[in-house]
Amino acid sequence: MAVIQGLLVQGVQMALVLMLAPLLTGLVRKVKARLQRRQGPSVLQPFRDLKRLLGKEVVLAENASWLFRAAPYVIFAVTWVAAALVPTFATGLLFSWSGDLIAITALLGSARFAQALAAMDIGTSFGGIGASREVMIASLAEPAMLMIVLSVALIAGSTQLSTIAEYMAFSAVGLRVSLALGLVAFIVVALAENARIPVDNPATHLELTMVHEAMVLEYSSRHLAMIELAASLKLLLYVSVIACIFFPFGFAGGYAVALAAYLFKLGVAAVLLGVFEVSIAKMRVFRVPNFLGAALMLSLLGVLLLFVSGGM
């Protein structure tokens, strides 16, 4: 009976992240539109876009291989699994033992690798530009991510997200400089990994600036729907990890209280992201390494502080 209940709760979490991901994207777009004094689309517009794409006929390039056709499904499946492993409204779920930060980083790296290969598969210039920029960003973002994981693991004694969330929520962790540095570094990495301003602008298709959009220009119909849904899931994943590690309140009050707290965190994150993207301009591509290098240095400084003084 306990196994059935565990499977049910885990299934609810998988369905929850799948439904909330487009809603989070729509809420961010709505906040940005209202701040720019525009009406903007409905927060449900991403669901309508996915429905429209799923109903269209697939258009493929003549030289597209099986890799180009299979990559969207691989990217979506891997990202969905990674997002479902992050505790949202409960810790200690049936598959929480596999919800390891290093494993989640590896899953996201696999999805990025598949997307870069698919972008270069048909040989367009845009795909090659987007893939090279994506790999350049990943080569700087992943080391910073691993340093953040190391600093959190030194504090909580584990890299499993359920264990980390329980430790942060129920232990007297207090205010630590290393955690503050890790939070800032994680936000920088999340902006870069999700192709958000100031690293990339998800609302533009200018060939001199786009990163993620350049890799998906040749996709259409259900393939594009899978990639767009995976991008929304990835944004939800990073917001969920930030909420789980740095703001783990709500887990002690049961499923209903924890779910309400999680929805509140998502709403706050959407508003803050919208305000941030409206308030800052996109940087040049050649400045991105400096931006991510700052995240790497902040995360490394947090780790060094933990080694020098465990109380910091």
C-alpha atoms as a PDB file:
ATOM      1  CA  MET A   1       0.000   0.000   0.000  1.00  0.00           C
ATOM      2  CA  ALA A   2       2.856   2.359   0.810  1.00  0.00           C
ATOM      3  CA  VAL A   3       4.412   1.671  -2.586  1.00  0.00           C
ATOM      4  CA  ILE A   4       1.139   2.486  -4.364  1.00  0.00           C
ATOM      5  CA  GLN A   5       0.810   5.725  -2.422  1.00  0.00           C
ATOM      6  CA  GLY A   6       4.415   6.612  -3.215  1.00  0.00           C
ATOM      7  CA  LEU A   7       3.860   5.965  -6.923  1.00  0.00           C
ATOM      8  CA  LEU A   8       0.709   8.084  -6.820  1.00  0.00           C
ATOM      9  CA  VAL A   9       2.430  11.042  -5.158  1.00  0.00           C
ATOM     10  CA  GLN A  10       5.376  10.767  -7.553  1.00  0.00           C
ATOM     11  CA  GLY A  11       2.979  10.687 -10.507  1.00  0.00           C
ATOM     12  CA  VAL A  12       1.203  13.774  -9.181  1.00  0.00           C
ATOM     13  CA  GLN A  13       4.526  15.603  -9.021  1.00  0.00           C
ATOM     14  CA  MET A  14       5.391  14.614 -12.610  1.00  0.00           C
ATOM     15  CA  ALA A  15       2.002  15.846 -13.822  1.00  0.00           C
ATOM     16  CA  LEU A  16       2.289  18.993 -11.696  1.00  0.00           C
ATOM     17  CA  VAL A  17       5.598  20.150 -13.182  1.00  0.00           C
ATOM     18  CA  LEU A  18       4.327  19.373 -16.685  1.00  0.00           C
ATOM     19  CA  MET A  19       1.262  21.573 -16.181  1.00  0.00           C
ATOM     20  CA  LEU A  20       2.974  24.392 -14.299  1.00  0.00           C
ATOM     21  CA  ALA A  21       5.890  24.832 -16.709  1.00  0.00           C
ATOM     22  CA  PRO A  22       3.932  26.547 -19.529  1.00  0.00           C
ATOM     23  CA  LEU A  23       1.988  28.515 -16.915  1.00  0.00           C
ATOM     24  CA  LEU A  24       5.236  29.876 -15.463  1.00  0.00           C
ATOM     25  CA  THR A  25       6.412  30.930 -18.925  1.00  0.00           C
ATOM     26  CA  GLY A  26       3.088  32.613 -19.616  1.00  0.00           C
ATOM     27  CA  LEU A  27       3.173  34.448 -16.292  1.00  0.00           C
ATOM     28  CA  VAL A  28       6.664  35.801 -16.987  1.00  0.00           C
ATOM     29  CA  ARG A  29       5.533  37.053 -20.396  1.00  0.00           C
ATOM     30  CA  LYS A  30       2.448  38.658 -18.846  1.00  0.00           C
ATOM     31  CA  VAL A  31       4.485  40.458 -16.189  1.00  0.00           C
ATOM     32  CA  LYS A  32       6.893  41.785 -18.815  1.00  0.00           C
ATOM     33  CA  ALA A  33       4.032  42.973 -21.001  1.00  0.00           C
ATOM     34  CA  ARG A  34       2.286  44.792 -18.166  1.00  0.00           C
ATOM     35  CA  LEU A  35       5.531  46.481 -17.118  1.00  0.00           C
ATOM     36  CA  GLN A  36       5.938  47.668 -20.704  1.00  0.00           C
ATOM     37  CA  ARG A  37       2.368  49.071 -20.607  1.00  0.00           C
ATOM     38  CA  ARG A  38       1.057  46.445 -23.006  1.00  0.00           C
ATOM     39  CA  GLN A  39      -1.919  44.163 -22.581  1.00  0.00           C
ATOM     40  CA  GLY A  40       0.130  41.133 -23.476  1.00  0.00           C
ATOM     41  CA  PRO A  41      -1.057  37.587 -24.151  1.00  0.00           C
ATOM     42  CA  SER A  42      -2.927  35.532 -21.621  1.00  0.00           C
ATOM     43  CA  VAL A  43      -0.956  33.458 -19.134  1.00  0.00           C
ATOM     44  CA  LEU A  44      -2.560  30.442 -20.843  1.00  0.00           C
ATOM     45  CA  GLN A  45      -1.151  31.387 -24.254  1.00  0.00           C
ATOM     46  CA  PRO A  46       1.728  28.832 -24.042  1.00  0.00           C
ATOM     47  CA  PHE A  47      -0.877  26.053 -23.775  1.00  0.00           C
ATOM     48  CA  ARG A  48      -2.624  27.380 -26.886  1.00  0.00           C
ATOM     49  CA  ASP A  49       0.697  27.581 -28.733  1.00  0.00           C
ATOM     50  CA  LEU A  50       1.517  23.978 -27.855  1.00  0.00           C
ATOM     51  CA  LYS A  51      -1.935  22.832 -29.004  1.00  0.00           C
ATOM     52  CA  ARG A  52      -1.534  24.725 -32.280  1.00  0.00           C
ATOM     53  CA  LEU A  53       1.916  23.260 -32.936  1.00  0.00           C
ATOM     54  CA  LEU A  54       0.773  19.720 -32.175  1.00  0.00           C
ATOM     55  CA  GLY A  55      -1.990  20.063 -34.776  1.00  0.00           C
ATOM     56  CA  LYS A  56       0.306  21.141 -37.622  1.00  0.00           C
ATOM     57  CA  GLU A  57       2.071  19.009 -40.196  1.00  0.00           C
ATOM     58  CA  VAL A  58       5.786  18.367 -39.730  1.00  0.00           C
ATOM     59  CA  VAL A  59       8.124  20.067 -42.220  1.00  0.00           C
ATOM     60  CA  LEU A  60      11.607  18.555 -42.401  1.00  0.00           C
ATOM     61  CA  ALA A  61      14.717  19.491 -44.320  1.00  0.00           C
ATOM     62  CA  GLU A  62      15.693  17.064 -47.068  1.00  0.00           C
ATOM     63  CA  ASN A  63      19.013  16.185 -45.435  1.00  0.00           C
ATOM     64  CA  ALA A  64      17.615  15.810 -41.899  1.00  0.00           C
ATOM     65  CA  SER A  65      18.691  12.521 -40.343  1.00  0.00           C
ATOM     66  CA  TRP A  66      17.068  10.396 -37.652  1.00  0.00           C
ATOM     67  CA  LEU A  67      18.997  12.413 -35.059  1.00  0.00           C
ATOM     68  CA  PHE A  68      17.199  15.601 -36.023  1.00  0.00           C
ATOM     69  CA  ARG A  69      13.816  13.881 -35.687  1.00  0.00           C
ATOM     70  CA  ALA A  70      14.575  12.056 -32.438  1.00  0.00           C
ATOM     71  CA  ALA A  71      16.320  14.908 -30.583  1.00  0.00           C
ATOM     72  CA  PRO A  72      13.138  16.826 -29.552  1.00  0.00           C
ATOM     73  CA  TYR A  73      11.674  13.768 -27.833  1.00  0.00           C
ATOM     74  CA  VAL A  74      14.975  13.005 -26.073  1.00  0.00           C
ATOM     75  CA  ILE A  75      15.320  16.618 -24.923  1.00  0.00           C
ATOM     76  CA  PHE A  76      11.761  16.707 -23.622  1.00  0.00           C
ATOM     77  CA  ALA A  77      11.973  13.334 -21.838  1.00  0.00           C
ATOM     78  CA  VAL A  78      15.307  14.058 -20.166  1.00  0.00           C
ATOM     79  CA  THR A  79      14.241  17.545 -19.049  1.00  0.00           C
ATOM     80  CA  TRP A  80      10.906  16.254 -17.733  1.00  0.00           C
ATOM     81  CA  VAL A  81      12.631  13.548 -15.694  1.00  0.00           C
ATOM     82  CA  ALA A  82      15.103  16.076 -14.267  1.00  0.00           C
ATOM     83  CA  ALA A  83      12.306  18.515 -13.345  1.00  0.00           C
ATOM     84  CA  ALA A  84      10.241  15.747 -11.721  1.00  0.00           C
ATOM     85  CA  LEU A  85      13.153  14.762  -9.471  1.00  0.00           C
ATOM     86  CA  VAL A  86      13.214  18.174  -7.761  1.00  0.00           C
ATOM     87  CA  PRO A  87      11.056  18.270  -4.592  1.00  0.00           C
ATOM     88  CA  THR A  88       8.125  20.617  -5.107  1.00  0.00           C
ATOM     89  CA  PHE A  89       5.411  19.977  -2.506  1.00  0.00           C
ATOM     90  CA  ALA A  90       6.987  17.014  -0.675  1.00  0.00           C
ATOM     91  CA  THR A  91      10.347  15.507   0.191  1.00  0.00           C
ATOM     92  CA  GLY A  92      11.262  11.872   0.501  1.00  0.00           C
ATOM     93  CA  LEU A  93       9.259  10.747  -2.521  1.00  0.00           C
ATOM     94  CA  LEU A  94       9.577   7.263  -3.966  1.00  0.00           C
ATOM     95  CA  PHE A  95      12.319   8.218  -6.437  1.00  0.00           C
ATOM     96  CA  SER A  96      13.916  10.911  -4.285  1.00  0.00           C
ATOM     97  CA  TRP A  97      17.042   8.757  -3.963  1.00  0.00           C
ATOM     98  CA  SER A  98      17.763   9.573  -7.618  1.00  0.00           C
ATOM     99  CA  GLY A  99      17.099  13.300  -7.170  1.00  0.00           C
ATOM    100  CA  ASP A 100      20.783  14.110  -6.943  1.00  0.00           C
ATOM    101  CA  LEU A 101      22.064  17.530  -7.984  1.00  0.00           C
ATOM    102  CA  ILE A 102      24.964  16.001  -9.887  1.00  0.00           C
ATOM    103  CA  ALA A 103      22.608  13.607 -11.693  1.00  0.00           C
ATOM    104  CA  ILE A 104      20.263  16.478 -12.586  1.00  0.00           C
ATOM    105  CA  THR A 105      23.214  18.481 -13.937  1.00  0.00           C
ATOM    106  CA  ALA A 106      24.233  15.475 -16.026  1.00  0.00           C
ATOM    107  CA  LEU A 107      20.696  15.069 -17.377  1.00  0.00           C
ATOM    108  CA  LEU A 108      20.554  18.705 -18.417  1.00  0.00           C
ATOM    109  CA  GLY A 109      23.972  18.348 -20.031  1.00  0.00           C
ATOM    110  CA  SER A 110      22.694  15.360 -22.021  1.00  0.00           C
ATOM    111  CA  ALA A 111      19.722  17.375 -23.274  1.00  0.00           C
ATOM    112  CA  ARG A 112      22.037  20.225 -24.270  1.00  0.00           C
ATOM    113  CA  PHE A 113      24.325  17.806 -26.105  1.00  0.00           C
ATOM    114  CA  ALA A 114      21.403  16.352 -28.065  1.00  0.00           C
ATOM    115  CA  GLN A 115      20.129  19.810 -28.983  1.00  0.00           C
ATOM    116  CA  ALA A 116      23.555  20.982 -30.166  1.00  0.00           C
ATOM    117  CA  LEU A 117      23.981  17.866 -32.323  1.00  0.00           C
ATOM    118  CA  ALA A 118      20.525  18.294 -33.841  1.00  0.00           C
ATOM    119  CA  ALA A 119      21.241  21.970 -34.579  1.00  0.00           C
ATOM    120  CA  MET A 120      24.346  21.019 -36.565  1.00  0.00           C
ATOM    121  CA  ASP A 121      22.749  17.989 -38.235  1.00  0.00           C
ATOM    122  CA  ILE A 122      21.210  19.750 -41.249  1.00  0.00           C
ATOM    123  CA  GLY A 123      24.199  22.044 -41.778  1.00  0.00           C
ATOM    124  CA  THR A 124      22.603  25.500 -41.602  1.00  0.00           C
ATOM    125  CA  SER A 125      24.689  28.473 -40.522  1.00  0.00           C
ATOM    126  CA  PHE A 126      22.204  29.477 -37.818  1.00  0.00           C
ATOM    127  CA  GLY A 127      22.305  26.009 -36.278  1.00  0.00           C
ATOM    128  CA  GLY A 128      26.082  26.024 -36.169  1.00  0.00           C
ATOM    129  CA  ILE A 129      26.214  29.483 -34.613  1.00  0.00           C
ATOM    130  CA  GLY A 130      23.633  28.589 -31.972  1.00  0.00           C
ATOM    131  CA  ALA A 131      25.312  25.267 -31.141  1.00  0.00           C
ATOM    132  CA  SER A 132      28.762  26.841 -30.770  1.00  0.00           C
ATOM    133  CA  ARG A 133      27.403  29.582 -28.503  1.00  0.00           C
ATOM    134  CA  GLU A 134      25.443  27.064 -26.441  1.00  0.00           C
ATOM    135  CA  VAL A 135      28.529  24.908 -25.890  1.00  0.00           C
ATOM    136  CA  MET A 136      30.573  27.988 -24.997  1.00  0.00           C
ATOM    137  CA  ILE A 137      28.021  28.990 -22.373  1.00  0.00           C
ATOM    138  CA  ALA A 138      27.819  25.429 -21.040  1.00  0.00           C
ATOM    139  CA  SER A 139      31.607  25.182 -20.657  1.00  0.00           C
ATOM    140  CA  LEU A 140      31.445  28.047 -18.158  1.00  0.00           C
ATOM    141  CA  ALA A 141      28.047  27.422 -16.568  1.00  0.00           C
ATOM    142  CA  GLU A 142      28.567  23.762 -15.656  1.00  0.00           C
ATOM    143  CA  PRO A 143      31.768  24.312 -13.594  1.00  0.00           C
ATOM    144  CA  ALA A 144      29.983  27.068 -11.686  1.00  0.00           C
ATOM    145  CA  MET A 145      27.022  24.735 -11.145  1.00  0.00           C
ATOM    146  CA  LEU A 146      29.290  22.013  -9.778  1.00  0.00           C
ATOM    147  CA  MET A 147      30.944  24.480  -7.398  1.00  0.00           C
ATOM    148  CA  ILE A 148      27.506  25.494  -6.123  1.00  0.00           C
ATOM    149  CA  VAL A 149      26.625  21.820  -5.636  1.00  0.00           C
ATOM    150  CA  LEU A 150      29.869  21.321  -3.702  1.00  0.00           C
ATOM    151  CA  SER A 151      29.211  24.275  -1.389  1.00  0.00           C
ATOM    152  CA  VAL A 152      25.651  23.103  -0.661  1.00  0.00           C
ATOM    153  CA  ALA A 153      26.859  19.518  -0.132  1.00  0.00           C
ATOM    154  CA  LEU A 154      29.471  20.700   2.377  1.00  0.00           C
ATOM    155  CA  ILE A 155      26.727  22.365   4.410  1.00  0.00           C
ATOM    156  CA  ALA A 156      23.993  19.722   4.160  1.00  0.00           C
ATOM    157  CA  GLY A 157      26.275  16.684   3.950  1.00  0.00           C
ATOM    158  CA  SER A 158      24.562  15.346   0.826  1.00  0.00           C
ATOM    159  CA  THR A 159      23.873  16.113  -2.817  1.00  0.00           C
ATOM    160  CA  GLN A 160      20.349  14.652  -2.768  1.00  0.00           C
ATOM    161  CA  LEU A 161      17.765  17.398  -3.013  1.00  0.00           C
ATOM    162  CA  SER A 162      15.341  15.829  -0.532  1.00  0.00           C
ATOM    163  CA  THR A 163      18.070  15.583   2.097  1.00  0.00           C
ATOM    164  CA  ILE A 164      19.225  19.134   1.363  1.00  0.00           C
ATOM    165  CA  ALA A 165      15.683  20.524   1.585  1.00  0.00           C
ATOM    166  CA  GLU A 166      15.017  18.758   4.891  1.00  0.00           C
ATOM    167  CA  TYR A 167      18.319  19.948   6.323  1.00  0.00           C
ATOM    168  CA  MET A 168      17.764  23.550   5.218  1.00  0.00           C
ATOM    169  CA  ALA A 169      14.161  23.564   6.444  1.00  0.00           C
ATOM    170  CA  PHE A 170      14.518  21.841   9.802  1.00  0.00           C
ATOM    171  CA  SER A 171      18.093  22.586  10.900  1.00  0.00           C
ATOM    172  CA  ALA A 172      19.490  25.774  12.363  1.00  0.00           C
ATOM    173  CA  VAL A 173      21.458  26.720   9.257  1.00  0.00           C
ATOM    174  CA  GLY A 174      21.173  30.454   9.800  1.00  0.00           C
ATOM    175  CA  LEU A 175      22.474  33.130   7.484  1.00  0.00           C
ATOM    176  CA  ARG A 176      25.687  32.113   5.757  1.00  0.00           C
ATOM    177  CA  VAL A 177      27.851  34.093   3.376  1.00  0.00           C
ATOM    178  CA  SER A 178      28.598  30.958   1.370  1.00  0.00           C
ATOM    179  CA  LEU A 179      24.887  30.329   0.781  1.00  0.00           C
ATOM    180  CA  ALA A 180      24.348  33.939  -0.300  1.00  0.00           C
ATOM    181  CA  LEU A 181      27.236  33.668  -2.769  1.00  0.00           C
ATOM    182  CA  GLY A 182      25.867  30.353  -3.997  1.00  0.00           C
ATOM    183  CA  LEU A 183      22.412  31.864  -4.509  1.00  0.00           C
ATOM    184  CA  VAL A 184      23.758  34.748  -6.611  1.00  0.00           C
ATOM    185  CA  ALA A 185      25.915  32.361  -8.632  1.00  0.00           C
ATOM    186  CA  PHE A 186      22.987  29.983  -9.152  1.00  0.00           C
ATOM    187  CA  ILE A 187      20.770  32.802 -10.419  1.00  0.00           C
ATOM    188  CA  VAL A 188      23.451  33.801 -12.926  1.00  0.00           C
ATOM    189  CA  VAL A 189      23.782  30.196 -14.103  1.00  0.00           C
ATOM    190  CA  ALA A 190      19.987  29.850 -14.346  1.00  0.00           C
ATOM    191  CA  LEU A 191      19.725  32.969 -16.523  1.00  0.00           C
ATOM    192  CA  ALA A 192      22.421  31.658 -18.855  1.00  0.00           C
ATOM    193  CA  GLU A 193      21.114  28.097 -19.016  1.00  0.00           C
ATOM    194  CA  ASN A 194      17.578  29.247 -19.813  1.00  0.00           C
ATOM    195  CA  ALA A 195      18.706  31.761 -22.448  1.00  0.00           C
ATOM    196  CA  ARG A 196      17.193  34.693 -20.590  1.00  0.00           C
ATOM    197  CA  ILE A 197      18.233  38.344 -20.525  1.00  0.00           C
ATOM    198  CA  PRO A 198      21.017  39.503 -20.229  1.00  0.00           C
ATOM    199  CA  VAL A 199      22.589  36.409 -21.861  1.00  0.00           C
ATOM    200  CA  ASP A 200      19.933  35.878 -24.539  1.00  0.00           C
ATOM    201  CA  ASN A 201      16.525  37.285 -25.414  1.00  0.00           C
ATOM    202  CA  PRO A 202      13.874  34.570 -25.885  1.00  0.00           C
ATOM    203  CA  ALA A 203      11.604  37.033 -27.706  1.00  0.00           C
ATOM    204  CA  THR A 204      13.997  37.879 -30.562  1.00  0.00           C
ATOM    205  CA  HIS A 205      15.086  36.165 -33.764  1.00  0.00           C
ATOM    206  CA  LEU A 206      18.038  38.400 -34.663  1.00  0.00           C
ATOM    207  CA  GLU A 207      20.806  36.221 -36.056  1.00  0.00           C
ATOM    208  CA  LEU A 208      23.548  38.241 -34.356  1.00  0.00           C
ATOM    209  CA  THR A 209      22.181  37.757 -30.860  1.00  0.00           C
ATOM    210  CA  MET A 210      20.157  34.558 -30.571  1.00  0.00           C
ATOM    211  CA  VAL A 211      21.486  31.391 -28.971  1.00  0.00           C
ATOM    212  CA  HIS A 212      18.642  29.014 -28.177  1.00  0.00           C
ATOM    213  CA  GLU A 213      16.373  30.237 -30.964  1.00  0.00           C
ATOM    214  CA  ALA A 214      19.116  29.705 -33.551  1.00  0.00           C
ATOM    215  CA  MET A 215      19.178  25.994 -32.766  1.00  0.00           C
ATOM    216  CA  VAL A 216      15.437  25.467 -33.223  1.00  0.00           C
ATOM    217  CA  LEU A 217      14.733  27.561 -36.329  1.00  0.00           C
ATOM    218  CA  GLU A 218      14.420  24.471 -38.536  1.00  0.00           C
ATOM    219  CA  TYR A 219      11.902  22.718 -36.279  1.00  0.00           C
ATOM    220  CA  SER A 220       8.147  22.835 -36.713  1.00  0.00           C
ATOM    221  CA  SER A 221       4.944  21.202 -35.534  1.00  0.00           C
ATOM    222  CA  ARG A 222       5.212  18.572 -32.778  1.00  0.00           C
ATOM    223  CA  HIS A 223       9.014  18.704 -32.802  1.00  0.00           C
ATOM    224  CA  LEU A 224       8.965  22.415 -31.983  1.00  0.00           C
ATOM    225  CA  ALA A 225       6.246  21.814 -29.380  1.00  0.00           C
ATOM    226  CA  MET A 226       8.467  19.291 -27.582  1.00  0.00           C
ATOM    227  CA  ILE A 227      11.399  21.717 -27.558  1.00  0.00           C
ATOM    228  CA  GLU A 228       9.299  24.646 -26.339  1.00  0.00           C
ATOM    229  CA  LEU A 229       7.789  22.538 -23.570  1.00  0.00           C
ATOM    230  CA  ALA A 230      11.256  21.312 -22.589  1.00  0.00           C
ATOM    231  CA  ALA A 231      12.451  24.942 -22.378  1.00  0.00           C
ATOM    232  CA  SER A 232       9.555  25.771 -20.042  1.00  0.00           C
ATOM    233  CA  LEU A 233      10.321  22.698 -17.935  1.00  0.00           C
ATOM    234  CA  LYS A 234      13.949  23.754 -17.689  1.00  0.00           C
ATOM    235  CA  LEU A 235      12.984  27.189 -16.400  1.00  0.00           C
ATOM    236  CA  LEU A 236      10.648  25.584 -13.870  1.00  0.00           C
ATOM    237  CA  LEU A 237      13.426  23.206 -12.825  1.00  0.00           C
ATOM    238  CA  TYR A 238      15.860  25.993 -11.967  1.00  0.00           C
ATOM    239  CA  VAL A 239      13.206  27.953 -10.085  1.00  0.00           C
ATOM    240  CA  SER A 240      12.271  24.783  -8.178  1.00  0.00           C
ATOM    241  CA  VAL A 241      15.895  24.069  -7.255  1.00  0.00           C
ATOM    242  CA  ILE A 242      16.349  27.619  -5.956  1.00  0.00           C
ATOM    243  CA  ALA A 243      13.148  27.306  -3.926  1.00  0.00           C
ATOM    244  CA  CYS A 244      14.113  23.849  -2.648  1.00  0.00           C
ATOM    245  CA  ILE A 245      17.633  24.760  -1.501  1.00  0.00           C
ATOM    246  CA  PHE A 246      17.519  28.416  -0.517  1.00  0.00           C
ATOM    247  CA  PHE A 247      13.824  28.907   0.396  1.00  0.00           C
ATOM    248  CA  PRO A 248      12.643  25.499   1.688  1.00  0.00           C
ATOM    249  CA  PHE A 249       9.718  26.728   3.786  1.00  0.00           C
ATOM    250  CA  GLY A 250       6.368  24.965   3.601  1.00  0.00           C
ATOM    251  CA  PHE A 251       7.470  21.317   3.640  1.00  0.00           C
ATOM    252  CA  ALA A 252       6.556  20.858   7.293  1.00  0.00           C
ATOM    253  CA  GLY A 253       2.865  21.705   6.865  1.00  0.00           C
ATOM    254  CA  GLY A 254       1.675  18.767   4.788  1.00  0.00           C
ATOM    255  CA  TYR A 255       0.937  18.418   1.093  1.00  0.00           C
ATOM    256  CA  ALA A 256      -1.645  21.224   0.876  1.00  0.00           C
ATOM    257  CA  VAL A 257       0.481  23.820   2.683  1.00  0.00           C
ATOM    258  CA  ALA A 258       3.619  22.793   0.797  1.00  0.00           C
ATOM    259  CA  LEU A 259       1.817  23.026  -2.548  1.00  0.00           C
ATOM    260  CA  ALA A 260       0.470  26.489  -1.702  1.00  0.00           C
ATOM    261  CA  ALA A 261       3.973  27.585  -0.656  1.00  0.00           C
ATOM    262  CA  TYR A 262       5.425  26.187  -3.882  1.00  0.00           C
ATOM    263  CA  LEU A 263       2.895  28.034  -6.024  1.00  0.00           C
ATOM    264  CA  PHE A 264       3.682  31.215  -4.097  1.00  0.00           C
ATOM    265  CA  LYS A 265       7.406  30.756  -4.777  1.00  0.00           C
ATOM    266  CA  LEU A 266       6.744  30.261  -8.492  1.00  0.00           C
ATOM    267  CA  GLY A 267       4.628  33.411  -8.607  1.00  0.00           C
ATOM    268  CA  VAL A 268       7.281  35.481  -6.854  1.00  0.00           C
ATOM    269  CA  ALA A 269       9.996  34.087  -9.133  1.00  0.00           C
ATOM    270  CA  ALA A 270       7.944  34.914 -12.250  1.00  0.00           C
ATOM    271  CA  VAL A 271       7.382  38.496 -11.107  1.00  0.00           C
ATOM    272  CA  LEU A 272      11.041  39.002 -10.182  1.00  0.00           C
ATOM    273  CA  LEU A 273      12.232  37.524 -13.477  1.00  0.00           C
ATOM    274  CA  GLY A 274       9.860  39.738 -15.444  1.00  0.00           C
ATOM    275  CA  VAL A 275      10.959  42.854 -13.569  1.00  0.00           C
ATOM    276  CA  PHE A 276      14.634  41.944 -14.020  1.00  0.00           C
ATOM    277  CA  GLU A 277      14.328  41.350 -17.765  1.00  0.00           C
ATOM    278  CA  VAL A 278      12.491  44.630 -18.304  1.00  0.00           C
ATOM    279  CA  SER A 279      15.001  46.571 -16.192  1.00  0.00           C
ATOM    280  CA  ILE A 280      18.216  45.370 -17.862  1.00  0.00           C
ATOM    281  CA  ALA A 281      19.508  45.241 -21.417  1.00  0.00           C
ATOM    282  CA  LYS A 282      20.955  42.248 -23.193  1.00  0.00           C
ATOM    283  CA  MET A 283      24.741  42.097 -23.155  1.00  0.00           C
ATOM    284  CA  ARG A 284      26.977  41.330 -26.107  1.00  0.00           C
ATOM    285  CA  VAL A 285      27.824  37.691 -26.707  1.00  0.00           C
ATOM    286  CA  PHE A 286      31.500  38.348 -26.031  1.00  0.00           C
ATOM    287  CA  ARG A 287      30.632  39.627 -22.545  1.00  0.00           C
ATOM    288  CA  VAL A 288      28.875  36.395 -21.553  1.00  0.00           C
ATOM    289  CA  PRO A 289      32.120  34.626 -20.471  1.00  0.00           C
ATOM    290  CA  ASN A 290      32.802  37.475 -18.040  1.00  0.00           C
ATOM    291  CA  PHE A 291      29.258  37.202 -16.707  1.00  0.00           C
ATOM    292  CA  LEU A 292      29.537  33.454 -16.128  1.00  0.00           C
ATOM    293  CA  GLY A 293      33.104  33.802 -14.885  1.00  0.00           C
ATOM    294  CA  ALA A 294      31.766  35.978 -12.081  1.00  0.00           C
ATOM    295  CA  ALA A 295      29.362  33.168 -11.135  1.00  0.00           C
ATOM    296  CA  LEU A 296      32.232  30.681 -11.097  1.00  0.00           C
ATOM    297  CA  MET A 297      34.323  32.946  -8.885  1.00  0.00           C
ATOM    298  CA  LEU A 298      31.426  33.557  -6.486  1.00  0.00           C
ATOM    299  CA  SER A 299      30.708  29.837  -6.142  1.00  0.00           C
ATOM    300  CA  LEU A 300      34.406  29.076  -5.684  1.00  0.00           C
ATOM    301  CA  LEU A 301      34.668  31.776  -3.017  1.00  0.00           C
ATOM    302  CA  GLY A 302      31.703  30.213  -1.217  1.00  0.00           C
ATOM    303  CA  VAL A 303      33.454  26.831  -1.183  1.00  0.00           C
ATOM    304  CA  LEU A 304      36.695  28.375   0.086  1.00  0.00           C
ATOM    305  CA  LEU A 305      34.819  30.149   2.883  1.00  0.00           C
ATOM    306  CA  LEU A 306      33.362  26.807   3.992  1.00  0.00           C
ATOM    307  CA  PHE A 307      36.802  25.265   4.118  1.00  0.00           C
ATOM    308  CA  VAL A 308      38.302  28.228   5.982  1.00  0.00           C
ATOM    309  CA  SER A 309      35.412  28.663   8.396  1.00  0.00           C
ATOM    310  CA  GLY A 310      32.598  26.098   8.610  1.00  0.00           C
ATOM    311  CA  GLY A 311      30.277  28.691  10.139  1.00  0.00           C
ATOM    312  CA  MET A 312      30.299  30.907   7.055  1.00  0.00           C
END
